[in-house]
Amino acid sequence: MGAPFGNHNAAKGRRWAKAVERAVDAWPERAVSLEVNKGIDNMAWEFVREMVTTKDIAFFREFGDRIDGKAVQASEISGPDGGALQLRGVISLVKPDGDGEGA
């Protein structure tokens, strides 16, 4: 099920990535930003400037994480003897009473 109509939460989650994209697209000039985005756009421009001038791999990794999303990290769970852990689920179907009580 998706978010209710009018929900704008997802749009807020990518503000940093969008600011970095604007800074990269406008590089080496500063992107013209709306007053509401001015602070984050200035921070993104400084981030891109630092990345380009220092050529530090950490900045490029951070940039990739922001633009493409962080890579999924795998987790491995093993049983008490070090072997594979097995999970089993049970579903029970219950016929409701016909007496009219209950939900």
PDB file of N, CA and C in Angstrom:
ATOM      1  N   MET A   1       0.848  -1.172   0.000  1.00  0.00           N
ATOM      2  CA  MET A   1       0.000   0.000   0.000  1.00  0.00           C
ATOM      3  C   MET A   1       0.889   1.229   0.000  1.00  0.00           C
ATOM      4  N   GLY A   2       0.594   2.170  -0.839  1.00  0.00           N
ATOM      5  CA  GLY A   2       1.370   3.397  -0.925  1.00  0.00           C
ATOM      6  C   GLY A   2       0.969   4.402   0.143  1.00  0.00           C
ATOM      7  N   ALA A   3       1.643   5.518   0.127  1.00  0.00           N
ATOM      8  CA  ALA A   3       1.349   6.579   1.083  1.00  0.00           C
ATOM      9  C   ALA A   3      -0.002   7.210   0.753  1.00  0.00           C
ATOM     10  N   PRO A   4      -0.672   7.785   1.757  1.00  0.00           N
ATOM     11  CA  PRO A   4      -1.950   8.433   1.504  1.00  0.00           C
ATOM     12  C   PRO A   4      -1.801   9.616   0.548  1.00  0.00           C
ATOM     13  N   PHE A   5      -2.881   9.940  -0.143  1.00  0.00           N
ATOM     14  CA  PHE A   5      -2.887  11.064  -1.073  1.00  0.00           C
ATOM     15  C   PHE A   5      -2.487  12.335  -0.336  1.00  0.00           C
ATOM     16  N   GLY A   6      -1.588  13.094  -0.931  1.00  0.00           N
ATOM     17  CA  GLY A   6      -1.141  14.351  -0.324  1.00  0.00           C
ATOM     18  C   GLY A   6       0.093  14.209   0.553  1.00  0.00           C
ATOM     19  N   ASN A   7       0.593  12.989   0.761  1.00  0.00           N
ATOM     20  CA  ASN A   7       1.779  12.766   1.584  1.00  0.00           C
ATOM     21  C   ASN A   7       3.020  13.182   0.798  1.00  0.00           C
ATOM     22  N   HIS A   8       3.806  14.091   1.363  1.00  0.00           N
ATOM     23  CA  HIS A   8       4.996  14.608   0.687  1.00  0.00           C
ATOM     24  C   HIS A   8       6.291  14.224   1.414  1.00  0.00           C
ATOM     25  N   ASN A   9       6.245  13.215   2.276  1.00  0.00           N
ATOM     26  CA  ASN A   9       7.421  12.834   3.055  1.00  0.00           C
ATOM     27  C   ASN A   9       8.584  12.380   2.189  1.00  0.00           C
ATOM     28  N   ALA A  10       8.320  11.672   1.111  1.00  0.00           N
ATOM     29  CA  ALA A  10       9.402  11.163   0.260  1.00  0.00           C
ATOM     30  C   ALA A  10      10.160  12.304  -0.400  1.00  0.00           C
ATOM     31  N   ALA A  11       9.501  13.389  -0.723  1.00  0.00           N
ATOM     32  CA  ALA A  11      10.160  14.521  -1.374  1.00  0.00           C
ATOM     33  C   ALA A  11      11.196  15.157  -0.456  1.00  0.00           C
ATOM     34  N   LYS A  12      10.954  15.137   0.840  1.00  0.00           N
ATOM     35  CA  LYS A  12      11.881  15.748   1.789  1.00  0.00           C
ATOM     36  C   LYS A  12      13.137  14.908   1.976  1.00  0.00           C
ATOM     37  N   GLY A  13      13.049  13.613   1.737  1.00  0.00           N
ATOM     38  CA  GLY A  13      14.157  12.712   1.995  1.00  0.00           C
ATOM     39  C   GLY A  13      15.331  12.857   1.054  1.00  0.00           C
ATOM     40  N   ARG A  14      15.158  13.491  -0.089  1.00  0.00           N
ATOM     41  CA  ARG A  14      16.239  13.590  -1.075  1.00  0.00           C
ATOM     42  C   ARG A  14      16.744  15.015  -1.222  1.00  0.00           C
ATOM     43  N   ARG A  15      16.539  15.856  -0.235  1.00  0.00           N
ATOM     44  CA  ARG A  15      16.957  17.254  -0.351  1.00  0.00           C
ATOM     45  C   ARG A  15      18.465  17.379  -0.532  1.00  0.00           C
ATOM     46  N   TRP A  16      19.239  16.596   0.225  1.00  0.00           N
ATOM     47  CA  TRP A  16      20.697  16.685   0.122  1.00  0.00           C
ATOM     48  C   TRP A  16      21.173  16.196  -1.239  1.00  0.00           C
ATOM     49  N   ALA A  17      20.644  15.066  -1.695  1.00  0.00           N
ATOM     50  CA  ALA A  17      21.051  14.531  -2.996  1.00  0.00           C
ATOM     51  C   ALA A  17      20.716  15.517  -4.111  1.00  0.00           C
ATOM     52  N   LYS A  18      19.553  16.146  -4.041  1.00  0.00           N
ATOM     53  CA  LYS A  18      19.165  17.115  -5.064  1.00  0.00           C
ATOM     54  C   LYS A  18      20.065  18.345  -5.019  1.00  0.00           C
ATOM     55  N   ALA A  19      20.441  18.792  -3.821  1.00  0.00           N
ATOM     56  CA  ALA A  19      21.335  19.944  -3.691  1.00  0.00           C
ATOM     57  C   ALA A  19      22.711  19.617  -4.267  1.00  0.00           C
ATOM     58  N   VAL A  20      23.213  18.417  -4.012  1.00  0.00           N
ATOM     59  CA  VAL A  20      24.511  18.005  -4.554  1.00  0.00           C
ATOM     60  C   VAL A  20      24.428  17.912  -6.082  1.00  0.00           C
ATOM     61  N   GLU A  21      23.333  17.381  -6.587  1.00  0.00           N
ATOM     62  CA  GLU A  21      23.154  17.309  -8.044  1.00  0.00           C
ATOM     63  C   GLU A  21      23.155  18.699  -8.666  1.00  0.00           C
ATOM     64  N   ARG A  22      22.481  19.671  -8.023  1.00  0.00           N
ATOM     65  CA  ARG A  22      22.484  21.045  -8.538  1.00  0.00           C
ATOM     66  C   ARG A  22      23.885  21.627  -8.541  1.00  0.00           C
ATOM     67  N   ALA A  23      24.644  21.345  -7.471  1.00  0.00           N
ATOM     68  CA  ALA A  23      26.007  21.877  -7.376  1.00  0.00           C
ATOM     69  C   ALA A  23      26.905  21.269  -8.450  1.00  0.00           C
ATOM     70  N   VAL A  24      26.779  19.972  -8.706  1.00  0.00           N
ATOM     71  CA  VAL A  24      27.581  19.308  -9.736  1.00  0.00           C
ATOM     72  C   VAL A  24      27.204  19.838 -11.115  1.00  0.00           C
ATOM     73  N   ASP A  25      25.909  19.972 -11.368  1.00  0.00           N
ATOM     74  CA  ASP A  25      25.453  20.461 -12.669  1.00  0.00           C
ATOM     75  C   ASP A  25      25.947  21.877 -12.947  1.00  0.00           C
ATOM     76  N   ALA A  26      26.053  22.707 -11.925  1.00  0.00           N
ATOM     77  CA  ALA A  26      26.456  24.100 -12.113  1.00  0.00           C
ATOM     78  C   ALA A  26      27.969  24.307 -11.981  1.00  0.00           C
ATOM     79  N   TRP A  27      28.713  23.281 -11.538  1.00  0.00           N
ATOM     80  CA  TRP A  27      30.146  23.419 -11.264  1.00  0.00           C
ATOM     81  C   TRP A  27      30.875  23.992 -12.466  1.00  0.00           C
ATOM     82  N   PRO A  28      31.799  24.926 -12.332  1.00  0.00           N
ATOM     83  CA  PRO A  28      32.373  25.477 -11.112  1.00  0.00           C
ATOM     84  C   PRO A  28      31.633  26.707 -10.582  1.00  0.00           C
ATOM     85  N   GLU A  29      30.526  27.071 -11.210  1.00  0.00           N
ATOM     86  CA  GLU A  29      29.737  28.205 -10.714  1.00  0.00           C
ATOM     87  C   GLU A  29      28.811  27.725  -9.605  1.00  0.00           C
ATOM     88  N   ARG A  30      28.383  28.641  -8.773  1.00  0.00           N
ATOM     89  CA  ARG A  30      27.386  28.285  -7.763  1.00  0.00           C
ATOM     90  C   ARG A  30      26.013  28.258  -8.417  1.00  0.00           C
ATOM     91  N   ALA A  31      25.230  27.278  -8.045  1.00  0.00           N
ATOM     92  CA  ALA A  31      23.877  27.177  -8.588  1.00  0.00           C
ATOM     93  C   ALA A  31      23.014  28.286  -8.002  1.00  0.00           C
ATOM     94  N   VAL A  32      22.157  28.848  -8.810  1.00  0.00           N
ATOM     95  CA  VAL A  32      21.202  29.836  -8.320  1.00  0.00           C
ATOM     96  C   VAL A  32      20.121  29.064  -7.587  1.00  0.00           C
ATOM     97  N   SER A  33      19.892  29.422  -6.341  1.00  0.00           N
ATOM     98  CA  SER A  33      18.935  28.665  -5.543  1.00  0.00           C
ATOM     99  C   SER A  33      17.862  29.570  -4.979  1.00  0.00           C
ATOM    100  N   LEU A  34      16.739  28.971  -4.681  1.00  0.00           N
ATOM    101  CA  LEU A  34      15.666  29.683  -4.006  1.00  0.00           C
ATOM    102  C   LEU A  34      16.112  29.993  -2.586  1.00  0.00           C
ATOM    103  N   GLU A  35      15.507  30.987  -1.980  1.00  0.00           N
ATOM    104  CA  GLU A  35      15.872  31.373  -0.608  1.00  0.00           C
ATOM    105  C   GLU A  35      15.714  30.193   0.355  1.00  0.00           C
ATOM    106  N   VAL A  36      14.704  29.364   0.151  1.00  0.00           N
ATOM    107  CA  VAL A  36      14.463  28.232   1.033  1.00  0.00           C
ATOM    108  C   VAL A  36      15.570  27.181   0.926  1.00  0.00           C
ATOM    109  N   ASN A  37      16.258  27.103  -0.225  1.00  0.00           N
ATOM    110  CA  ASN A  37      17.315  26.114  -0.436  1.00  0.00           C
ATOM    111  C   ASN A  37      18.713  26.694  -0.285  1.00  0.00           C
ATOM    112  N   LYS A  38      18.823  27.973   0.005  1.00  0.00           N
ATOM    113  CA  LYS A  38      20.118  28.647  -0.024  1.00  0.00           C
ATOM    114  C   LYS A  38      21.157  27.983   0.895  1.00  0.00           C
ATOM    115  N   GLY A  39      20.789  27.660   2.106  1.00  0.00           N
ATOM    116  CA  GLY A  39      21.733  27.054   3.047  1.00  0.00           C
ATOM    117  C   GLY A  39      22.230  25.695   2.589  1.00  0.00           C
ATOM    118  N   ILE A  40      21.311  24.821   2.227  1.00  0.00           N
ATOM    119  CA  ILE A  40      21.708  23.474   1.810  1.00  0.00           C
ATOM    120  C   ILE A  40      22.459  23.516   0.490  1.00  0.00           C
ATOM    121  N   ASP A  41      22.091  24.444  -0.411  1.00  0.00           N
ATOM    122  CA  ASP A  41      22.808  24.574  -1.680  1.00  0.00           C
ATOM    123  C   ASP A  41      24.239  25.059  -1.455  1.00  0.00           C
ATOM    124  N   ASN A  42      24.435  25.974  -0.509  1.00  0.00           N
ATOM    125  CA  ASN A  42      25.795  26.433  -0.188  1.00  0.00           C
ATOM    126  C   ASN A  42      26.629  25.300   0.396  1.00  0.00           C
ATOM    127  N   MET A  43      26.028  24.500   1.266  1.00  0.00           N
ATOM    128  CA  MET A  43      26.744  23.354   1.834  1.00  0.00           C
ATOM    129  C   MET A  43      27.098  22.340   0.744  1.00  0.00           C
ATOM    130  N   ALA A  44      26.176  22.094  -0.163  1.00  0.00           N
ATOM    131  CA  ALA A  44      26.428  21.139  -1.249  1.00  0.00           C
ATOM    132  C   ALA A  44      27.533  21.650  -2.160  1.00  0.00           C
ATOM    133  N   TRP A  45      27.546  22.945  -2.441  1.00  0.00           N
ATOM    134  CA  TRP A  45      28.593  23.507  -3.287  1.00  0.00           C
ATOM    135  C   TRP A  45      29.954  23.359  -2.615  1.00  0.00           C
ATOM    136  N   GLU A  46      30.020  23.617  -1.304  1.00  0.00           N
ATOM    137  CA  GLU A  46      31.279  23.439  -0.562  1.00  0.00           C
ATOM    138  C   GLU A  46      31.712  21.980  -0.569  1.00  0.00           C
ATOM    139  N   PHE A  47      30.759  21.072  -0.442  1.00  0.00           N
ATOM    140  CA  PHE A  47      31.059  19.637  -0.490  1.00  0.00           C
ATOM    141  C   PHE A  47      31.674  19.269  -1.840  1.00  0.00           C
ATOM    142  N   VAL A  48      31.065  19.734  -2.923  1.00  0.00           N
ATOM    143  CA  VAL A  48      31.564  19.420  -4.267  1.00  0.00           C
ATOM    144  C   VAL A  48      32.922  20.077  -4.495  1.00  0.00           C
ATOM    145  N   ARG A  49      33.087  21.320  -4.021  1.00  0.00           N
ATOM    146  CA  ARG A  49      34.373  22.007  -4.162  1.00  0.00           C
ATOM    147  C   ARG A  49      35.470  21.221  -3.453  1.00  0.00           C
ATOM    148  N   GLU A  50      35.208  20.773  -2.248  1.00  0.00           N
ATOM    149  CA  GLU A  50      36.191  19.995  -1.481  1.00  0.00           C
ATOM    150  C   GLU A  50      36.495  18.672  -2.181  1.00  0.00           C
ATOM    151  N   MET A  51      35.464  18.038  -2.724  1.00  0.00           N
ATOM    152  CA  MET A  51      35.648  16.769  -3.429  1.00  0.00           C
ATOM    153  C   MET A  51      36.546  16.957  -4.652  1.00  0.00           C
ATOM    154  N   VAL A  52      36.295  18.013  -5.409  1.00  0.00           N
ATOM    155  CA  VAL A  52      37.042  18.247  -6.639  1.00  0.00           C
ATOM    156  C   VAL A  52      38.483  18.680  -6.349  1.00  0.00           C
ATOM    157  N   THR A  53      38.690  19.512  -5.355  1.00  0.00           N
ATOM    158  CA  THR A  53      40.043  20.021  -5.100  1.00  0.00           C
ATOM    159  C   THR A  53      40.936  19.010  -4.385  1.00  0.00           C
ATOM    160  N   THR A  54      40.402  18.240  -3.446  1.00  0.00           N
ATOM    161  CA  THR A  54      41.247  17.300  -2.697  1.00  0.00           C
ATOM    162  C   THR A  54      41.332  15.936  -3.371  1.00  0.00           C
ATOM    163  N   LYS A  55      40.355  15.603  -4.187  1.00  0.00           N
ATOM    164  CA  LYS A  55      40.290  14.296  -4.851  1.00  0.00           C
ATOM    165  C   LYS A  55      40.390  13.138  -3.850  1.00  0.00           C
ATOM    166  N   ASP A  56      39.771  13.339  -2.693  1.00  0.00           N
ATOM    167  CA  ASP A  56      39.764  12.334  -1.634  1.00  0.00           C
ATOM    168  C   ASP A  56      38.679  11.294  -1.933  1.00  0.00           C
ATOM    169  N   ILE A  57      39.053  10.028  -1.882  1.00  0.00           N
ATOM    170  CA  ILE A  57      38.125   8.952  -2.219  1.00  0.00           C
ATOM    171  C   ILE A  57      36.905   8.947  -1.310  1.00  0.00           C
ATOM    172  N   ALA A  58      37.048   9.369  -0.063  1.00  0.00           N
ATOM    173  CA  ALA A  58      35.908   9.400   0.853  1.00  0.00           C
ATOM    174  C   ALA A  58      34.823  10.343   0.346  1.00  0.00           C
ATOM    175  N   PHE A  59      35.220  11.465  -0.243  1.00  0.00           N
ATOM    176  CA  PHE A  59      34.232  12.399  -0.789  1.00  0.00           C
ATOM    177  C   PHE A  59      33.502  11.765  -1.971  1.00  0.00           C
ATOM    178  N   PHE A  60      34.224  11.070  -2.826  1.00  0.00           N
ATOM    179  CA  PHE A  60      33.590  10.425  -3.967  1.00  0.00           C
ATOM    180  C   PHE A  60      32.638   9.316  -3.517  1.00  0.00           C
ATOM    181  N   ARG A  61      33.026   8.577  -2.483  1.00  0.00           N
ATOM    182  CA  ARG A  61      32.161   7.527  -1.948  1.00  0.00           C
ATOM    183  C   ARG A  61      30.886   8.140  -1.373  1.00  0.00           C
ATOM    184  N   GLU A  62      31.046   9.213  -0.602  1.00  0.00           N
ATOM    185  CA  GLU A  62      29.891   9.917  -0.038  1.00  0.00           C
ATOM    186  C   GLU A  62      28.994  10.454  -1.150  1.00  0.00           C
ATOM    187  N   PHE A  63      29.608  11.002  -2.179  1.00  0.00           N
ATOM    188  CA  PHE A  63      28.854  11.519  -3.323  1.00  0.00           C
ATOM    189  C   PHE A  63      28.028  10.398  -3.966  1.00  0.00           C
ATOM    190  N   GLY A  64      28.656   9.270  -4.203  1.00  0.00           N
ATOM    191  CA  GLY A  64      27.941   8.139  -4.789  1.00  0.00           C
ATOM    192  C   GLY A  64      26.814   7.645  -3.904  1.00  0.00           C
ATOM    193  N   ASP A  65      27.046   7.605  -2.581  1.00  0.00           N
ATOM    194  CA  ASP A  65      26.001   7.184  -1.654  1.00  0.00           C
ATOM    195  C   ASP A  65      24.810   8.126  -1.697  1.00  0.00           C
ATOM    196  N   ARG A  66      25.076   9.403  -1.850  1.00  0.00           N
ATOM    197  CA  ARG A  66      23.993  10.392  -1.884  1.00  0.00           C
ATOM    198  C   ARG A  66      23.230  10.354  -3.196  1.00  0.00           C
ATOM    199  N   ILE A  67      23.922  10.140  -4.287  1.00  0.00           N
ATOM    200  CA  ILE A  67      23.270  10.187  -5.594  1.00  0.00           C
ATOM    201  C   ILE A  67      22.601   8.849  -5.932  1.00  0.00           C
ATOM    202  N   ASP A  68      23.320   7.750  -5.790  1.00  0.00           N
ATOM    203  CA  ASP A  68      22.787   6.447  -6.169  1.00  0.00           C
ATOM    204  C   ASP A  68      22.150   5.693  -5.012  1.00  0.00           C
ATOM    205  N   GLY A  69      22.411   6.118  -3.799  1.00  0.00           N
ATOM    206  CA  GLY A  69      21.929   5.402  -2.629  1.00  0.00           C
ATOM    207  C   GLY A  69      23.010   4.464  -2.127  1.00  0.00           C
ATOM    208  N   LYS A  70      23.047   4.283  -0.836  1.00  0.00           N
ATOM    209  CA  LYS A  70      24.058   3.433  -0.235  1.00  0.00           C
ATOM    210  C   LYS A  70      23.805   1.978  -0.612  1.00  0.00           C
ATOM    211  N   ALA A  71      24.875   1.251  -0.856  1.00  0.00           N
ATOM    212  CA  ALA A  71      24.763  -0.157  -1.236  1.00  0.00           C
ATOM    213  C   ALA A  71      24.152  -0.963  -0.092  1.00  0.00           C
ATOM    214  N   VAL A  72      23.388  -1.983  -0.448  1.00  0.00           N
ATOM    215  CA  VAL A  72      22.772  -2.854   0.546  1.00  0.00           C
ATOM    216  C   VAL A  72      23.859  -3.664   1.232  1.00  0.00           C
ATOM    217  N   GLN A  73      23.781  -3.741   2.547  1.00  0.00           N
ATOM    218  CA  GLN A  73      24.763  -4.509   3.302  1.00  0.00           C
ATOM    219  C   GLN A  73      24.138  -5.848   3.682  1.00  0.00           C
ATOM    220  N   ALA A  74      24.824  -6.919   3.357  1.00  0.00           N
ATOM    221  CA  ALA A  74      24.311  -8.260   3.634  1.00  0.00           C
ATOM    222  C   ALA A  74      24.579  -8.636   5.093  1.00  0.00           C
ATOM    223  N   SER A  75      23.660  -9.392   5.667  1.00  0.00           N
ATOM    224  CA  SER A  75      23.817  -9.923   7.021  1.00  0.00           C
ATOM    225  C   SER A  75      23.695 -11.438   6.950  1.00  0.00           C
ATOM    226  N   GLU A  76      24.542 -12.121   7.696  1.00  0.00           N
ATOM    227  CA  GLU A  76      24.487 -13.579   7.718  1.00  0.00           C
ATOM    228  C   GLU A  76      24.189 -14.026   9.133  1.00  0.00           C
ATOM    229  N   ILE A  77      23.214 -14.916   9.265  1.00  0.00           N
ATOM    230  CA  ILE A  77      22.827 -15.437  10.574  1.00  0.00           C
ATOM    231  C   ILE A  77      23.055 -16.937  10.550  1.00  0.00           C
ATOM    232  N   SER A  78      23.710 -17.436  11.587  1.00  0.00           N
ATOM    233  CA  SER A  78      23.932 -18.876  11.650  1.00  0.00           C
ATOM    234  C   SER A  78      23.355 -19.426  12.942  1.00  0.00           C
ATOM    235  N   GLY A  79      23.091 -20.734  12.929  1.00  0.00           N
ATOM    236  CA  GLY A  79      22.529 -21.401  14.093  1.00  0.00           C
ATOM    237  C   GLY A  79      23.578 -21.633  15.169  1.00  0.00           C
ATOM    238  N   PRO A  80      23.191 -22.249  16.283  1.00  0.00           N
ATOM    239  CA  PRO A  80      24.106 -22.460  17.403  1.00  0.00           C
ATOM    240  C   PRO A  80      25.302 -23.340  17.064  1.00  0.00           C
ATOM    241  N   ASP A  81      25.155 -24.255  16.106  1.00  0.00           N
ATOM    242  CA  ASP A  81      26.267 -25.129  15.732  1.00  0.00           C
ATOM    243  C   ASP A  81      27.088 -24.541  14.579  1.00  0.00           C
ATOM    244  N   GLY A  82      26.802 -23.318  14.195  1.00  0.00           N
ATOM    245  CA  GLY A  82      27.530 -22.685  13.106  1.00  0.00           C
ATOM    246  C   GLY A  82      26.927 -22.934  11.744  1.00  0.00           C
ATOM    247  N   GLY A  83      25.931 -23.815  11.696  1.00  0.00           N
ATOM    248  CA  GLY A  83      25.273 -24.132  10.421  1.00  0.00           C
ATOM    249  C   GLY A  83      24.177 -23.129  10.102  1.00  0.00           C
ATOM    250  N   ALA A  84      23.477 -23.406   9.042  1.00  0.00           N
ATOM    251  CA  ALA A  84      22.402 -22.522   8.601  1.00  0.00           C
ATOM    252  C   ALA A  84      21.260 -22.529   9.617  1.00  0.00           C
ATOM    253  N   LEU A  85      20.619 -21.422   9.760  1.00  0.00           N
ATOM    254  CA  LEU A  85      19.478 -21.278  10.657  1.00  0.00           C
ATOM    255  C   LEU A  85      18.211 -21.449   9.835  1.00  0.00           C
ATOM    256  N   GLN A  86      17.323 -22.326  10.279  1.00  0.00           N
ATOM    257  CA  GLN A  86      16.078 -22.541   9.560  1.00  0.00           C
ATOM    258  C   GLN A  86      14.941 -21.883  10.318  1.00  0.00           C
ATOM    259  N   LEU A  87      14.095 -21.201   9.562  1.00  0.00           N
ATOM    260  CA  LEU A  87      12.913 -20.582  10.148  1.00  0.00           C
ATOM    261  C   LEU A  87      11.691 -21.291   9.586  1.00  0.00           C
ATOM    262  N   ARG A  88      10.726 -21.541  10.451  1.00  0.00           N
ATOM    263  CA  ARG A  88       9.509 -22.190  10.000  1.00  0.00           C
ATOM    264  C   ARG A  88       8.330 -21.419  10.580  1.00  0.00           C
ATOM    265  N   GLY A  89       7.362 -21.143   9.743  1.00  0.00           N
ATOM    266  CA  GLY A  89       6.164 -20.440  10.186  1.00  0.00           C
ATOM    267  C   GLY A  89       4.957 -21.342  10.070  1.00  0.00           C
ATOM    268  N   VAL A  90       3.992 -21.141  10.942  1.00  0.00           N
ATOM    269  CA  VAL A  90       2.777 -21.937  10.926  1.00  0.00           C
ATOM    270  C   VAL A  90       1.593 -20.976  10.843  1.00  0.00           C
ATOM    271  N   ILE A  91       0.690 -21.261   9.920  1.00  0.00           N
ATOM    272  CA  ILE A  91      -0.519 -20.460   9.787  1.00  0.00           C
ATOM    273  C   ILE A  91      -1.695 -21.349  10.134  1.00  0.00           C
ATOM    274  N   SER A  92      -2.528 -20.868  11.034  1.00  0.00           N
ATOM    275  CA  SER A  92      -3.722 -21.620  11.419  1.00  0.00           C
ATOM    276  C   SER A  92      -4.957 -20.869  10.940  1.00  0.00           C
ATOM    277  N   LEU A  93      -5.866 -21.569  10.305  1.00  0.00           N
ATOM    278  CA  LEU A  93      -7.124 -20.989   9.884  1.00  0.00           C
ATOM    279  C   LEU A  93      -8.181 -21.386  10.907  1.00  0.00           C
ATOM    280  N   VAL A  94      -8.901 -20.415  11.424  1.00  0.00           N
ATOM    281  CA  VAL A  94      -9.898 -20.661  12.455  1.00  0.00           C
ATOM    282  C   VAL A  94     -11.248 -20.199  11.932  1.00  0.00           C
ATOM    283  N   LYS A  95     -12.223 -21.098  11.972  1.00  0.00           N
ATOM    284  CA  LYS A  95     -13.578 -20.756  11.540  1.00  0.00           C
ATOM    285  C   LYS A  95     -14.263 -19.985  12.667  1.00  0.00           C
ATOM    286  N   PRO A  96     -14.807 -18.809  12.357  1.00  0.00           N
ATOM    287  CA  PRO A  96     -15.444 -18.025  13.424  1.00  0.00           C
ATOM    288  C   PRO A  96     -16.729 -18.706  13.907  1.00  0.00           C
ATOM    289  N   ASP A  97     -17.055 -18.438  15.170  1.00  0.00           N
ATOM    290  CA  ASP A  97     -18.293 -18.970  15.747  1.00  0.00           C
ATOM    291  C   ASP A  97     -19.483 -18.327  15.063  1.00  0.00           C
ATOM    292  N   GLY A  98     -20.556 -19.035  14.979  1.00  0.00           N
ATOM    293  CA  GLY A  98     -21.768 -18.512  14.356  1.00  0.00           C
ATOM    294  C   GLY A  98     -22.730 -17.889  15.341  1.00  0.00           C
ATOM    295  N   ASP A  99     -22.258 -17.596  16.588  1.00  0.00           N
ATOM    296  CA  ASP A  99     -23.184 -17.087  17.600  1.00  0.00           C
ATOM    297  C   ASP A  99     -23.362 -15.565  17.556  1.00  0.00           C
ATOM    298  N   GLY A 100     -22.674 -14.879  16.642  1.00  0.00           N
ATOM    299  CA  GLY A 100     -22.863 -13.439  16.522  1.00  0.00           C
ATOM    300  C   GLY A 100     -22.001 -12.627  17.462  1.00  0.00           C
ATOM    301  N   GLU A 101     -21.276 -13.234  18.389  1.00  0.00           N
ATOM    302  CA  GLU A 101     -20.385 -12.505  19.281  1.00  0.00           C
ATOM    303  C   GLU A 101     -19.006 -12.433  18.678  1.00  0.00           C
ATOM    304  N   GLY A 102     -18.226 -11.458  19.108  1.00  0.00           N
ATOM    305  CA  GLY A 102     -16.870 -11.299  18.615  1.00  0.00           C
ATOM    306  C   GLY A 102     -16.826 -10.339  17.443  1.00  0.00           C
ATOM    307  N   ALA A 103     -15.630 -10.095  17.010  1.00  0.00           N
ATOM    308  CA  ALA A 103     -15.468  -9.123  15.927  1.00  0.00           C
ATOM    309  C   ALA A 103     -15.390  -9.775  14.590  1.00  0.00           C
TER     310      ALA A 103
END
